[in-house]
N, C-alpha and C. Protein backbone atom coordinates (compact mmCIF):
# COMPACT_ATOMS: atom_id res chain seq x y z
N UNK A 1 -17.59 -18.42 -21.03
CA UNK A 1 -16.35 -19.21 -21.03
C UNK A 1 -16.43 -20.22 -19.89
N UNK A 2 -16.14 -21.46 -20.19
CA UNK A 2 -16.18 -22.50 -19.16
C UNK A 2 -15.00 -22.34 -18.22
N UNK A 3 -15.14 -22.90 -17.04
CA UNK A 3 -14.07 -22.83 -16.04
C UNK A 3 -12.79 -23.46 -16.57
N UNK A 4 -12.91 -24.58 -17.30
CA UNK A 4 -11.73 -25.28 -17.79
C UNK A 4 -10.97 -24.46 -18.83
N UNK A 5 -11.68 -23.54 -19.52
CA UNK A 5 -11.03 -22.76 -20.59
C UNK A 5 -10.35 -21.51 -20.06
N UNK A 6 -10.58 -21.16 -18.80
CA UNK A 6 -9.97 -19.96 -18.24
C UNK A 6 -8.48 -20.18 -18.00
N UNK A 7 -7.72 -19.07 -18.08
CA UNK A 7 -6.29 -19.14 -17.80
C UNK A 7 -6.07 -18.82 -16.32
N UNK A 8 -5.29 -19.65 -15.65
CA UNK A 8 -4.98 -19.46 -14.25
C UNK A 8 -3.47 -19.32 -14.09
N UNK A 9 -3.07 -18.42 -13.21
CA UNK A 9 -1.65 -18.26 -12.90
C UNK A 9 -1.32 -19.20 -11.75
N UNK A 10 -0.38 -20.11 -11.94
CA UNK A 10 -0.01 -21.02 -10.84
C UNK A 10 0.43 -20.22 -9.62
N UNK A 11 0.18 -20.77 -8.44
CA UNK A 11 0.47 -20.06 -7.20
C UNK A 11 1.94 -19.66 -7.11
N UNK A 12 2.84 -20.56 -7.51
CA UNK A 12 4.27 -20.25 -7.44
C UNK A 12 4.62 -19.07 -8.35
N UNK A 13 4.01 -19.03 -9.55
CA UNK A 13 4.26 -17.94 -10.48
C UNK A 13 3.68 -16.64 -9.93
N UNK A 14 2.53 -16.71 -9.31
CA UNK A 14 1.91 -15.51 -8.73
C UNK A 14 2.80 -14.93 -7.64
N UNK A 15 3.38 -15.82 -6.83
CA UNK A 15 4.28 -15.34 -5.78
C UNK A 15 5.48 -14.62 -6.38
N UNK A 16 6.05 -15.20 -7.45
CA UNK A 16 7.22 -14.60 -8.08
C UNK A 16 6.86 -13.26 -8.73
N UNK A 17 5.70 -13.17 -9.34
CA UNK A 17 5.27 -11.91 -9.93
C UNK A 17 5.12 -10.83 -8.87
N UNK A 18 4.57 -11.19 -7.73
CA UNK A 18 4.40 -10.23 -6.64
C UNK A 18 5.76 -9.78 -6.11
N UNK A 19 6.65 -10.72 -5.86
CA UNK A 19 7.97 -10.38 -5.34
C UNK A 19 8.76 -9.53 -6.33
N UNK A 20 8.60 -9.83 -7.64
CA UNK A 20 9.28 -9.04 -8.66
C UNK A 20 8.75 -7.60 -8.67
N UNK A 21 7.44 -7.44 -8.60
CA UNK A 21 6.84 -6.11 -8.61
C UNK A 21 7.31 -5.29 -7.42
N UNK A 22 7.59 -5.95 -6.30
CA UNK A 22 8.04 -5.27 -5.09
C UNK A 22 9.55 -5.09 -5.03
N UNK A 23 10.25 -5.50 -6.10
CA UNK A 23 11.70 -5.33 -6.13
C UNK A 23 12.46 -6.28 -5.24
N UNK A 24 11.84 -7.37 -4.85
CA UNK A 24 12.47 -8.30 -3.92
C UNK A 24 13.20 -9.45 -4.62
N UNK A 25 13.16 -9.49 -5.94
CA UNK A 25 13.89 -10.51 -6.68
C UNK A 25 15.16 -9.95 -7.33
N UNK A 26 15.35 -8.64 -7.26
CA UNK A 26 16.56 -8.04 -7.83
C UNK A 26 17.76 -8.33 -6.94
N UNK A 27 18.93 -8.16 -7.50
CA UNK A 27 20.16 -8.38 -6.75
C UNK A 27 20.28 -7.31 -5.66
N UNK A 28 20.19 -7.67 -4.39
CA UNK A 28 20.26 -6.66 -3.33
C UNK A 28 21.65 -6.07 -3.16
N UNK A 29 22.66 -6.72 -3.74
CA UNK A 29 24.03 -6.23 -3.60
C UNK A 29 24.40 -5.17 -4.62
N UNK A 30 23.44 -4.82 -5.52
CA UNK A 30 23.74 -3.77 -6.48
C UNK A 30 24.01 -2.46 -5.75
N UNK A 31 24.76 -1.60 -6.38
CA UNK A 31 25.22 -0.39 -5.72
C UNK A 31 24.05 0.50 -5.33
N UNK A 32 24.04 0.93 -4.08
CA UNK A 32 23.00 1.83 -3.58
C UNK A 32 23.43 3.27 -3.83
N UNK A 33 22.81 3.91 -4.79
CA UNK A 33 23.08 5.30 -5.13
C UNK A 33 21.78 6.08 -5.04
N UNK A 34 21.83 7.41 -5.04
CA UNK A 34 20.57 8.17 -5.07
C UNK A 34 19.70 7.78 -6.26
N UNK A 35 20.32 7.55 -7.42
CA UNK A 35 19.55 7.16 -8.61
C UNK A 35 18.89 5.81 -8.41
N UNK A 36 19.60 4.86 -7.79
CA UNK A 36 19.04 3.53 -7.55
C UNK A 36 17.90 3.58 -6.56
N UNK A 37 18.04 4.40 -5.50
CA UNK A 37 16.97 4.54 -4.51
C UNK A 37 15.74 5.18 -5.14
N UNK A 38 15.97 6.23 -5.97
CA UNK A 38 14.84 6.88 -6.63
C UNK A 38 14.12 5.91 -7.56
N UNK A 39 14.88 5.14 -8.34
CA UNK A 39 14.27 4.18 -9.26
C UNK A 39 13.46 3.15 -8.49
N UNK A 40 13.95 2.74 -7.32
CA UNK A 40 13.24 1.76 -6.52
C UNK A 40 11.93 2.34 -5.98
N UNK A 41 11.97 3.57 -5.45
CA UNK A 41 10.74 4.19 -4.94
C UNK A 41 9.73 4.37 -6.07
N UNK A 42 10.23 4.77 -7.24
CA UNK A 42 9.32 4.97 -8.37
C UNK A 42 8.69 3.64 -8.78
N UNK A 43 9.45 2.58 -8.72
CA UNK A 43 8.93 1.26 -9.06
C UNK A 43 7.86 0.82 -8.06
N UNK A 44 8.11 1.09 -6.77
CA UNK A 44 7.14 0.74 -5.74
C UNK A 44 5.91 1.65 -5.79
N UNK A 45 6.07 2.83 -6.34
CA UNK A 45 4.99 3.81 -6.39
C UNK A 45 5.13 4.86 -5.32
N UNK A 46 5.47 4.46 -4.11
CA UNK A 46 5.75 5.36 -3.00
C UNK A 46 6.33 4.50 -1.89
N UNK A 47 6.85 5.14 -0.88
CA UNK A 47 7.28 4.40 0.31
C UNK A 47 6.66 5.09 1.52
N UNK A 48 5.92 4.31 2.31
CA UNK A 48 5.21 4.88 3.45
C UNK A 48 6.17 5.33 4.53
N UNK A 49 5.88 6.51 5.11
CA UNK A 49 6.69 7.07 6.19
C UNK A 49 6.15 6.56 7.51
N UNK A 50 7.02 6.02 8.34
CA UNK A 50 6.60 5.46 9.61
C UNK A 50 7.26 6.21 10.75
N UNK A 51 6.47 6.58 11.75
CA UNK A 51 7.00 7.35 12.89
C UNK A 51 7.65 6.46 13.95
N UNK A 52 7.42 5.15 13.90
CA UNK A 52 7.93 4.26 14.96
C UNK A 52 9.37 3.86 14.64
N UNK A 53 10.34 4.23 15.49
CA UNK A 53 11.75 3.98 15.18
C UNK A 53 12.34 2.74 15.84
N UNK A 54 11.59 1.64 15.93
CA UNK A 54 12.13 0.40 16.50
C UNK A 54 13.08 -0.20 15.48
N UNK A 55 14.34 -0.40 15.86
CA UNK A 55 15.44 -0.79 14.98
C UNK A 55 15.73 0.37 14.02
N UNK A 56 14.78 0.71 13.18
CA UNK A 56 14.84 1.86 12.27
C UNK A 56 13.44 2.11 11.76
N UNK A 57 13.18 3.31 11.29
CA UNK A 57 11.86 3.62 10.78
C UNK A 57 11.56 2.77 9.54
N UNK A 58 10.30 2.40 9.38
CA UNK A 58 9.92 1.39 8.39
C UNK A 58 10.27 1.79 6.97
N UNK A 59 10.20 3.10 6.62
CA UNK A 59 10.52 3.47 5.25
C UNK A 59 11.99 3.18 4.93
N UNK A 60 12.86 3.28 5.94
CA UNK A 60 14.26 2.92 5.71
C UNK A 60 14.43 1.40 5.63
N UNK A 61 13.68 0.67 6.44
CA UNK A 61 13.77 -0.79 6.40
C UNK A 61 13.29 -1.34 5.07
N UNK A 62 12.23 -0.74 4.51
CA UNK A 62 11.71 -1.17 3.21
C UNK A 62 12.79 -1.07 2.14
N UNK A 63 13.51 0.05 2.14
CA UNK A 63 14.54 0.26 1.13
C UNK A 63 15.78 -0.57 1.42
N UNK A 64 16.15 -0.71 2.69
CA UNK A 64 17.33 -1.50 3.05
C UNK A 64 17.13 -2.98 2.73
N UNK A 65 15.90 -3.46 2.77
CA UNK A 65 15.62 -4.86 2.44
C UNK A 65 15.85 -5.15 0.96
N UNK A 66 15.91 -4.10 0.15
CA UNK A 66 16.05 -4.27 -1.30
C UNK A 66 17.41 -3.79 -1.82
N UNK A 67 18.13 -3.03 -1.00
CA UNK A 67 19.45 -2.53 -1.37
C UNK A 67 20.37 -2.67 -0.15
N UNK A 68 21.31 -3.62 -0.20
CA UNK A 68 22.17 -3.88 0.96
C UNK A 68 22.96 -2.66 1.40
N UNK A 69 23.38 -1.82 0.46
CA UNK A 69 24.19 -0.66 0.81
C UNK A 69 23.38 0.58 1.13
N UNK A 70 22.08 0.42 1.27
CA UNK A 70 21.23 1.59 1.52
C UNK A 70 21.55 2.22 2.87
N UNK A 71 21.56 3.56 2.88
CA UNK A 71 21.70 4.33 4.12
C UNK A 71 20.66 5.46 4.10
N UNK A 72 20.08 5.81 5.26
CA UNK A 72 19.04 6.84 5.30
C UNK A 72 19.39 8.16 4.62
N UNK A 73 20.65 8.64 4.66
CA UNK A 73 20.94 9.91 3.97
C UNK A 73 20.64 9.88 2.47
N UNK A 74 20.62 8.70 1.85
CA UNK A 74 20.29 8.63 0.43
C UNK A 74 18.86 9.08 0.19
N UNK A 75 17.95 8.64 1.05
CA UNK A 75 16.55 9.05 0.92
C UNK A 75 16.39 10.53 1.27
N UNK A 76 17.07 10.95 2.33
CA UNK A 76 17.00 12.36 2.74
C UNK A 76 17.44 13.28 1.61
N UNK A 77 18.50 12.90 0.92
CA UNK A 77 18.99 13.72 -0.20
C UNK A 77 17.92 13.86 -1.29
N UNK A 78 17.26 12.77 -1.62
CA UNK A 78 16.24 12.81 -2.68
C UNK A 78 15.06 13.70 -2.30
N UNK A 79 14.75 13.74 -1.01
CA UNK A 79 13.60 14.51 -0.54
C UNK A 79 13.97 15.98 -0.31
N UNK A 80 15.07 16.21 0.39
CA UNK A 80 15.36 17.55 0.89
C UNK A 80 16.30 18.36 0.02
N UNK A 81 17.15 17.71 -0.78
CA UNK A 81 18.08 18.45 -1.62
C UNK A 81 17.72 18.37 -3.09
N UNK A 82 17.61 17.15 -3.61
CA UNK A 82 17.33 16.99 -5.04
C UNK A 82 15.87 17.25 -5.38
N UNK A 83 14.97 17.12 -4.38
CA UNK A 83 13.52 17.31 -4.57
C UNK A 83 12.95 16.35 -5.61
N UNK A 84 13.54 15.18 -5.72
CA UNK A 84 13.00 14.18 -6.64
C UNK A 84 11.86 13.39 -6.01
N UNK A 85 11.74 13.47 -4.69
CA UNK A 85 10.62 12.88 -3.97
C UNK A 85 9.96 13.97 -3.14
N UNK A 86 8.65 13.86 -2.95
CA UNK A 86 7.95 14.80 -2.07
C UNK A 86 7.12 14.03 -1.06
N UNK A 87 6.84 14.69 0.04
CA UNK A 87 6.04 14.06 1.08
C UNK A 87 4.59 14.50 0.97
N UNK A 88 3.71 13.52 0.91
CA UNK A 88 2.28 13.83 1.01
C UNK A 88 1.53 12.57 1.40
N UNK A 89 0.24 12.57 1.19
CA UNK A 89 -0.66 11.55 1.70
C UNK A 89 -1.13 10.65 0.57
N UNK A 90 -0.92 9.35 0.71
CA UNK A 90 -1.56 8.36 -0.16
C UNK A 90 -2.67 7.76 0.70
N UNK A 91 -2.47 6.56 1.22
CA UNK A 91 -3.36 6.07 2.27
C UNK A 91 -2.82 6.49 3.63
N UNK A 92 -1.59 6.98 3.63
CA UNK A 92 -0.90 7.45 4.82
C UNK A 92 0.21 8.38 4.34
N UNK A 93 0.97 8.96 5.26
CA UNK A 93 2.09 9.80 4.85
C UNK A 93 3.09 8.96 4.06
N UNK A 94 3.62 9.54 2.97
CA UNK A 94 4.49 8.77 2.08
C UNK A 94 5.44 9.70 1.34
N UNK A 95 6.56 9.13 0.89
CA UNK A 95 7.44 9.79 -0.06
C UNK A 95 7.07 9.30 -1.45
N UNK A 96 6.85 10.25 -2.36
CA UNK A 96 6.28 9.98 -3.68
C UNK A 96 7.16 10.66 -4.73
N UNK A 97 7.35 10.06 -5.90
CA UNK A 97 8.12 10.73 -6.96
C UNK A 97 7.55 12.10 -7.31
N UNK A 98 8.40 13.11 -7.35
CA UNK A 98 7.95 14.49 -7.56
C UNK A 98 7.36 14.70 -8.95
N UNK A 99 7.74 13.87 -9.92
CA UNK A 99 7.14 14.07 -11.25
C UNK A 99 5.67 13.70 -11.26
N UNK A 100 5.16 13.13 -10.17
CA UNK A 100 3.73 12.89 -10.05
C UNK A 100 3.02 14.01 -9.30
N UNK A 101 3.77 14.98 -8.79
CA UNK A 101 3.18 16.04 -7.98
C UNK A 101 2.05 16.80 -8.68
N UNK A 102 2.16 17.11 -9.98
CA UNK A 102 1.06 17.85 -10.62
C UNK A 102 -0.30 17.20 -10.44
N UNK A 103 -0.34 15.88 -10.33
CA UNK A 103 -1.62 15.19 -10.19
C UNK A 103 -2.21 15.33 -8.80
N UNK A 104 -1.42 15.84 -7.86
CA UNK A 104 -1.94 16.07 -6.51
C UNK A 104 -2.83 17.31 -6.45
N UNK A 105 -2.81 18.16 -7.46
CA UNK A 105 -3.65 19.35 -7.43
C UNK A 105 -5.13 18.98 -7.38
N UNK A 106 -5.50 17.88 -8.02
CA UNK A 106 -6.89 17.43 -7.93
C UNK A 106 -7.25 17.07 -6.50
N UNK A 107 -6.28 16.50 -5.80
CA UNK A 107 -6.53 16.14 -4.40
C UNK A 107 -6.61 17.39 -3.52
N UNK A 108 -5.77 18.39 -3.81
CA UNK A 108 -5.83 19.63 -3.04
C UNK A 108 -7.21 20.27 -3.15
N UNK A 109 -7.75 20.27 -4.35
CA UNK A 109 -9.07 20.87 -4.56
C UNK A 109 -10.14 20.09 -3.79
N UNK A 110 -10.04 18.78 -3.81
CA UNK A 110 -11.01 17.97 -3.07
C UNK A 110 -10.87 18.20 -1.58
N UNK A 111 -9.64 18.41 -1.11
CA UNK A 111 -9.42 18.65 0.31
C UNK A 111 -10.10 19.94 0.75
N UNK A 112 -10.02 20.97 -0.07
CA UNK A 112 -10.71 22.23 0.25
C UNK A 112 -12.18 21.98 0.54
N UNK A 113 -12.83 21.22 -0.32
CA UNK A 113 -14.26 20.97 -0.15
C UNK A 113 -14.52 20.00 1.00
N UNK A 114 -13.69 18.96 1.10
CA UNK A 114 -13.90 17.95 2.13
C UNK A 114 -13.72 18.48 3.53
N UNK A 115 -12.71 19.31 3.74
CA UNK A 115 -12.46 19.84 5.08
C UNK A 115 -13.59 20.74 5.55
N UNK A 116 -14.19 21.49 4.63
CA UNK A 116 -15.31 22.37 5.00
C UNK A 116 -16.50 21.57 5.53
N UNK A 117 -16.63 20.32 5.06
CA UNK A 117 -17.77 19.48 5.48
C UNK A 117 -17.41 18.52 6.62
N UNK A 118 -16.16 18.54 7.05
CA UNK A 118 -15.68 17.54 7.99
C UNK A 118 -15.70 18.09 9.42
N UNK A 119 -16.50 17.48 10.26
CA UNK A 119 -16.67 17.97 11.63
C UNK A 119 -15.37 17.91 12.42
N UNK A 120 -14.61 16.82 12.23
CA UNK A 120 -13.35 16.65 12.96
C UNK A 120 -12.40 17.79 12.66
N UNK A 121 -12.25 18.14 11.38
CA UNK A 121 -11.38 19.24 10.99
C UNK A 121 -11.92 20.57 11.53
N UNK A 122 -13.21 20.80 11.39
CA UNK A 122 -13.78 22.08 11.79
C UNK A 122 -13.61 22.33 13.29
N UNK A 123 -13.72 21.27 14.10
CA UNK A 123 -13.53 21.41 15.54
C UNK A 123 -12.12 21.86 15.88
N UNK A 124 -11.14 21.42 15.09
CA UNK A 124 -9.74 21.75 15.37
C UNK A 124 -9.31 23.08 14.74
N UNK A 125 -9.92 23.44 13.61
CA UNK A 125 -9.53 24.67 12.93
C UNK A 125 -10.18 25.91 13.53
N UNK A 126 -11.41 25.77 14.03
CA UNK A 126 -12.12 26.92 14.56
C UNK A 126 -12.95 27.61 13.49
N UNK A 127 -13.80 28.52 13.92
CA UNK A 127 -14.78 29.14 13.03
C UNK A 127 -14.14 30.07 12.00
N UNK A 128 -13.09 30.78 12.39
CA UNK A 128 -12.49 31.79 11.50
C UNK A 128 -11.18 31.27 10.90
N UNK A 129 -11.19 30.02 10.49
CA UNK A 129 -9.92 29.42 10.08
C UNK A 129 -9.38 29.97 8.76
N UNK A 130 -10.23 30.48 7.88
CA UNK A 130 -9.74 31.02 6.62
C UNK A 130 -8.87 32.26 6.88
N UNK A 131 -9.30 33.12 7.78
CA UNK A 131 -8.50 34.29 8.13
C UNK A 131 -7.22 33.86 8.84
N UNK A 132 -7.34 32.89 9.75
CA UNK A 132 -6.15 32.40 10.46
C UNK A 132 -5.16 31.76 9.48
N UNK A 133 -5.67 31.07 8.46
CA UNK A 133 -4.80 30.46 7.46
C UNK A 133 -4.06 31.53 6.67
N UNK A 134 -4.75 32.62 6.33
CA UNK A 134 -4.09 33.71 5.60
C UNK A 134 -3.00 34.34 6.45
N UNK A 135 -3.26 34.48 7.76
CA UNK A 135 -2.25 35.04 8.67
C UNK A 135 -1.05 34.09 8.77
N UNK A 136 -1.31 32.79 8.81
CA UNK A 136 -0.22 31.81 8.89
C UNK A 136 0.65 31.87 7.64
N UNK A 137 0.02 31.96 6.47
CA UNK A 137 0.78 32.04 5.22
C UNK A 137 1.62 33.32 5.19
N UNK A 138 1.06 34.43 5.66
CA UNK A 138 1.81 35.69 5.68
C UNK A 138 3.01 35.57 6.62
N UNK A 139 2.83 34.90 7.74
CA UNK A 139 3.92 34.71 8.70
C UNK A 139 5.04 33.88 8.06
N UNK A 140 4.69 32.78 7.41
CA UNK A 140 5.70 31.92 6.79
C UNK A 140 6.38 32.63 5.63
N UNK A 141 5.62 33.40 4.88
CA UNK A 141 6.20 34.15 3.76
C UNK A 141 7.25 35.13 4.26
N UNK A 142 7.02 35.70 5.43
CA UNK A 142 7.94 36.69 5.98
C UNK A 142 9.06 36.07 6.80
N UNK A 143 8.70 35.11 7.67
CA UNK A 143 9.67 34.57 8.64
C UNK A 143 10.38 33.32 8.17
N UNK A 144 9.82 32.63 7.17
CA UNK A 144 10.44 31.41 6.68
C UNK A 144 9.76 30.16 7.22
N UNK A 145 10.34 28.98 6.96
CA UNK A 145 9.72 27.71 7.34
C UNK A 145 9.46 27.61 8.84
N UNK A 146 8.42 26.85 9.19
CA UNK A 146 8.03 26.70 10.59
C UNK A 146 7.73 25.23 10.89
N UNK A 147 7.73 24.92 12.17
CA UNK A 147 7.23 23.64 12.66
C UNK A 147 6.09 23.92 13.63
N UNK A 148 5.33 22.90 13.94
CA UNK A 148 4.22 23.07 14.88
C UNK A 148 4.71 23.53 16.25
N UNK A 149 5.89 23.06 16.66
CA UNK A 149 6.38 23.40 18.00
C UNK A 149 6.81 24.87 18.11
N UNK A 150 6.86 25.59 16.99
CA UNK A 150 7.19 27.01 17.04
C UNK A 150 6.05 27.84 17.63
N UNK A 151 4.88 27.24 17.80
CA UNK A 151 3.70 27.97 18.26
C UNK A 151 3.23 27.44 19.61
N UNK A 152 3.00 28.36 20.53
CA UNK A 152 2.51 28.00 21.86
C UNK A 152 0.98 28.01 21.86
N UNK A 153 0.41 27.12 22.68
CA UNK A 153 -1.05 27.08 22.80
C UNK A 153 -1.41 26.56 24.17
N UNK A 154 -2.24 27.31 24.89
CA UNK A 154 -2.73 26.89 26.20
C UNK A 154 -3.87 25.91 25.99
N UNK A 155 -3.61 24.65 26.26
CA UNK A 155 -4.62 23.62 25.98
C UNK A 155 -5.80 23.66 26.94
N UNK A 156 -5.61 24.17 28.15
CA UNK A 156 -6.72 24.29 29.11
C UNK A 156 -7.50 22.98 29.24
N UNK A 157 -6.77 21.93 29.49
CA UNK A 157 -7.40 20.63 29.69
C UNK A 157 -7.65 19.83 28.45
N UNK A 158 -7.35 20.41 27.27
CA UNK A 158 -7.54 19.68 26.02
C UNK A 158 -6.53 18.53 25.93
N UNK A 159 -6.89 17.42 25.28
CA UNK A 159 -5.96 16.31 25.15
C UNK A 159 -4.77 16.67 24.27
N UNK A 160 -3.62 16.04 24.54
CA UNK A 160 -2.40 16.29 23.75
C UNK A 160 -1.91 15.01 23.09
N UNK A 161 -2.84 14.12 22.77
CA UNK A 161 -2.48 12.83 22.18
C UNK A 161 -2.13 12.96 20.71
N UNK A 162 -2.10 11.78 20.04
CA UNK A 162 -1.67 11.71 18.64
C UNK A 162 -2.46 12.66 17.74
N UNK A 163 -3.79 12.70 17.94
CA UNK A 163 -4.64 13.56 17.12
C UNK A 163 -5.16 14.77 17.88
N UNK A 164 -4.59 15.03 19.06
CA UNK A 164 -5.01 16.19 19.85
C UNK A 164 -4.27 17.44 19.40
N UNK A 165 -4.50 17.84 18.16
CA UNK A 165 -3.77 18.96 17.58
C UNK A 165 -4.17 20.29 18.18
N UNK A 166 -3.19 21.16 18.39
CA UNK A 166 -3.49 22.55 18.71
C UNK A 166 -3.92 23.26 17.43
N UNK A 167 -4.58 24.43 17.52
CA UNK A 167 -5.09 25.09 16.31
C UNK A 167 -4.02 25.37 15.27
N UNK A 168 -2.81 25.75 15.72
CA UNK A 168 -1.75 26.06 14.75
C UNK A 168 -1.32 24.82 13.97
N UNK A 169 -1.25 23.68 14.64
CA UNK A 169 -0.92 22.43 13.96
C UNK A 169 -2.01 22.08 12.95
N UNK A 170 -3.27 22.25 13.35
CA UNK A 170 -4.38 21.98 12.43
C UNK A 170 -4.31 22.91 11.21
N UNK A 171 -3.96 24.18 11.42
CA UNK A 171 -3.84 25.11 10.31
C UNK A 171 -2.73 24.69 9.35
N UNK A 172 -1.57 24.31 9.90
CA UNK A 172 -0.46 23.88 9.07
C UNK A 172 -0.84 22.65 8.25
N UNK A 173 -1.52 21.71 8.87
CA UNK A 173 -1.93 20.50 8.15
C UNK A 173 -3.00 20.82 7.10
N UNK A 174 -3.90 21.72 7.44
CA UNK A 174 -4.92 22.15 6.47
C UNK A 174 -4.25 22.77 5.24
N UNK A 175 -3.30 23.65 5.46
CA UNK A 175 -2.61 24.31 4.35
C UNK A 175 -1.75 23.34 3.56
N UNK A 176 -1.26 22.31 4.23
CA UNK A 176 -0.49 21.27 3.53
C UNK A 176 -1.42 20.39 2.69
N UNK A 177 -2.52 19.96 3.28
CA UNK A 177 -3.47 19.10 2.56
C UNK A 177 -4.11 19.81 1.37
N UNK A 178 -4.18 21.13 1.42
CA UNK A 178 -4.82 21.87 0.33
C UNK A 178 -3.81 22.51 -0.62
N UNK A 179 -2.51 22.23 -0.42
CA UNK A 179 -1.50 22.60 -1.41
C UNK A 179 -0.84 23.95 -1.25
N UNK A 180 -1.20 24.72 -0.24
CA UNK A 180 -0.56 26.02 -0.05
C UNK A 180 0.83 25.87 0.56
N UNK A 181 0.99 24.85 1.40
CA UNK A 181 2.27 24.56 2.02
C UNK A 181 2.78 23.20 1.56
N UNK A 182 4.09 23.01 1.71
CA UNK A 182 4.72 21.72 1.45
C UNK A 182 5.63 21.40 2.62
N UNK A 183 5.96 20.13 2.76
CA UNK A 183 6.93 19.73 3.78
C UNK A 183 8.32 19.85 3.17
N UNK A 184 9.09 20.80 3.67
CA UNK A 184 10.42 21.06 3.12
C UNK A 184 11.43 20.02 3.60
N UNK A 185 11.25 19.58 4.84
CA UNK A 185 12.15 18.58 5.43
C UNK A 185 11.55 18.16 6.76
N UNK A 186 12.24 17.27 7.44
CA UNK A 186 11.85 16.90 8.80
C UNK A 186 13.04 17.12 9.73
N UNK A 187 12.76 17.62 10.92
CA UNK A 187 13.78 17.80 11.95
C UNK A 187 13.33 17.04 13.18
N UNK A 188 14.14 16.04 13.58
CA UNK A 188 13.75 15.14 14.67
C UNK A 188 12.35 14.58 14.40
N UNK A 189 12.13 14.29 13.15
CA UNK A 189 10.90 13.70 12.60
C UNK A 189 9.71 14.64 12.62
N UNK A 190 9.90 15.89 13.01
CA UNK A 190 8.81 16.86 12.93
C UNK A 190 8.82 17.52 11.56
N UNK A 191 7.64 17.71 10.99
CA UNK A 191 7.53 18.36 9.69
C UNK A 191 7.96 19.82 9.77
N UNK A 192 8.71 20.24 8.78
CA UNK A 192 9.05 21.65 8.60
C UNK A 192 8.28 22.13 7.38
N UNK A 193 7.35 23.06 7.59
CA UNK A 193 6.45 23.52 6.53
C UNK A 193 6.99 24.80 5.90
N UNK A 194 6.86 24.90 4.58
CA UNK A 194 7.21 26.11 3.86
C UNK A 194 6.20 26.30 2.73
N UNK A 195 6.23 27.48 2.11
CA UNK A 195 5.35 27.73 0.98
C UNK A 195 5.61 26.72 -0.12
N UNK A 196 4.55 26.23 -0.73
CA UNK A 196 4.69 25.20 -1.75
C UNK A 196 5.63 25.63 -2.87
N UNK A 197 5.51 26.90 -3.30
CA UNK A 197 6.33 27.35 -4.43
C UNK A 197 7.79 27.51 -4.07
N UNK A 198 8.12 27.55 -2.77
CA UNK A 198 9.52 27.64 -2.36
C UNK A 198 10.14 26.26 -2.20
N UNK A 199 9.33 25.22 -2.22
CA UNK A 199 9.83 23.86 -2.04
C UNK A 199 9.93 23.13 -3.37
N UNK A 200 8.89 23.20 -4.18
CA UNK A 200 8.83 22.41 -5.40
C UNK A 200 9.24 23.22 -6.63
N UNK A 201 9.95 22.59 -7.55
CA UNK A 201 10.32 23.29 -8.79
C UNK A 201 9.09 23.79 -9.53
N UNK A 202 9.23 24.93 -10.20
CA UNK A 202 8.09 25.53 -10.89
C UNK A 202 7.49 24.60 -11.92
N UNK A 203 8.34 23.78 -12.58
CA UNK A 203 7.83 22.93 -13.65
C UNK A 203 6.93 21.81 -13.15
N UNK A 204 6.95 21.50 -11.85
CA UNK A 204 6.07 20.45 -11.34
C UNK A 204 5.01 21.02 -10.40
N UNK A 205 5.07 22.30 -10.10
CA UNK A 205 4.15 22.89 -9.14
C UNK A 205 2.80 23.23 -9.73
N UNK A 206 2.67 23.16 -11.05
CA UNK A 206 1.41 23.49 -11.71
C UNK A 206 0.60 22.23 -11.99
N UNK A 207 -0.73 22.34 -12.01
CA UNK A 207 -1.55 21.16 -12.32
C UNK A 207 -1.38 20.76 -13.77
N UNK A 208 -1.65 19.50 -14.11
CA UNK A 208 -1.54 19.05 -15.50
C UNK A 208 -2.61 19.68 -16.36
N UNK A 209 -2.38 19.66 -17.67
CA UNK A 209 -3.34 20.28 -18.58
C UNK A 209 -4.68 19.56 -18.57
N UNK A 210 -4.67 18.24 -18.39
CA UNK A 210 -5.91 17.47 -18.36
C UNK A 210 -6.39 17.31 -16.93
N UNK A 211 -7.67 17.01 -16.79
CA UNK A 211 -8.27 16.84 -15.47
C UNK A 211 -7.82 15.51 -14.89
N UNK A 212 -7.21 15.55 -13.69
CA UNK A 212 -6.71 14.32 -13.06
C UNK A 212 -7.65 13.83 -11.98
N UNK A 213 -8.83 14.43 -11.84
CA UNK A 213 -9.69 14.10 -10.71
C UNK A 213 -10.14 12.65 -10.69
N UNK A 214 -10.20 12.01 -11.84
CA UNK A 214 -10.63 10.62 -11.87
C UNK A 214 -9.58 9.68 -11.31
N UNK A 215 -8.35 10.18 -11.15
CA UNK A 215 -7.25 9.31 -10.73
C UNK A 215 -6.89 9.49 -9.26
N UNK A 216 -7.43 10.55 -8.62
CA UNK A 216 -7.04 10.84 -7.25
C UNK A 216 -8.18 10.53 -6.29
N UNK A 217 -7.89 9.83 -5.19
CA UNK A 217 -8.94 9.54 -4.20
C UNK A 217 -9.34 10.80 -3.45
N UNK A 218 -10.58 10.85 -3.01
CA UNK A 218 -11.06 11.99 -2.25
C UNK A 218 -10.51 11.96 -0.83
N UNK A 219 -10.47 13.13 -0.19
CA UNK A 219 -10.07 13.20 1.20
C UNK A 219 -11.06 12.42 2.03
N UNK A 220 -10.56 11.61 2.95
CA UNK A 220 -11.44 10.85 3.84
C UNK A 220 -12.25 11.82 4.68
N UNK A 221 -13.49 11.50 4.84
CA UNK A 221 -14.37 12.36 5.63
C UNK A 221 -14.79 11.63 6.90
């Protein structure tokens, strides 16, 4: 096909298509309801969770830019009460429509294999992490949801920076990345972990009948 015969999208039209896909051409004054917020997140695919609270956390700013009446409790309700959104990892931490949760099972399986080969994870989990993970699950099953700060650890000179996880934090994240735990809610922006089956409805907690591995990215190594 010659260059002259190809179809090109004019730049102005391309801009409008992009803005439309991002929900930025809709009437921002439409009523902000839980249903409207859920429909918007589903349209976007997910909304990234940001830990930096300058003015407001970015996931709230993303939604407020598209819905004038948006308030953070609307998103909290969808995640923590209605369970229509769940927290997990896309390219970063994100809130994702729960009806897509079954497809995350392929990612959980890949995480099991990837973490075993990953030096960074192994250094933080320790040699006997499978036994420690079983003990952590038994503790949560008996005592209920936990946060990382519930566990004390003598760092003995170890760094306490952004990725300077103590072993218990690494275990909780390992169990979350591999699907045994879910984030039930956040308290002062800290994750509250609980058993996956106690957080997600049974109808979405099972993997799909077909293999979804071709659609899910592998855990970064």
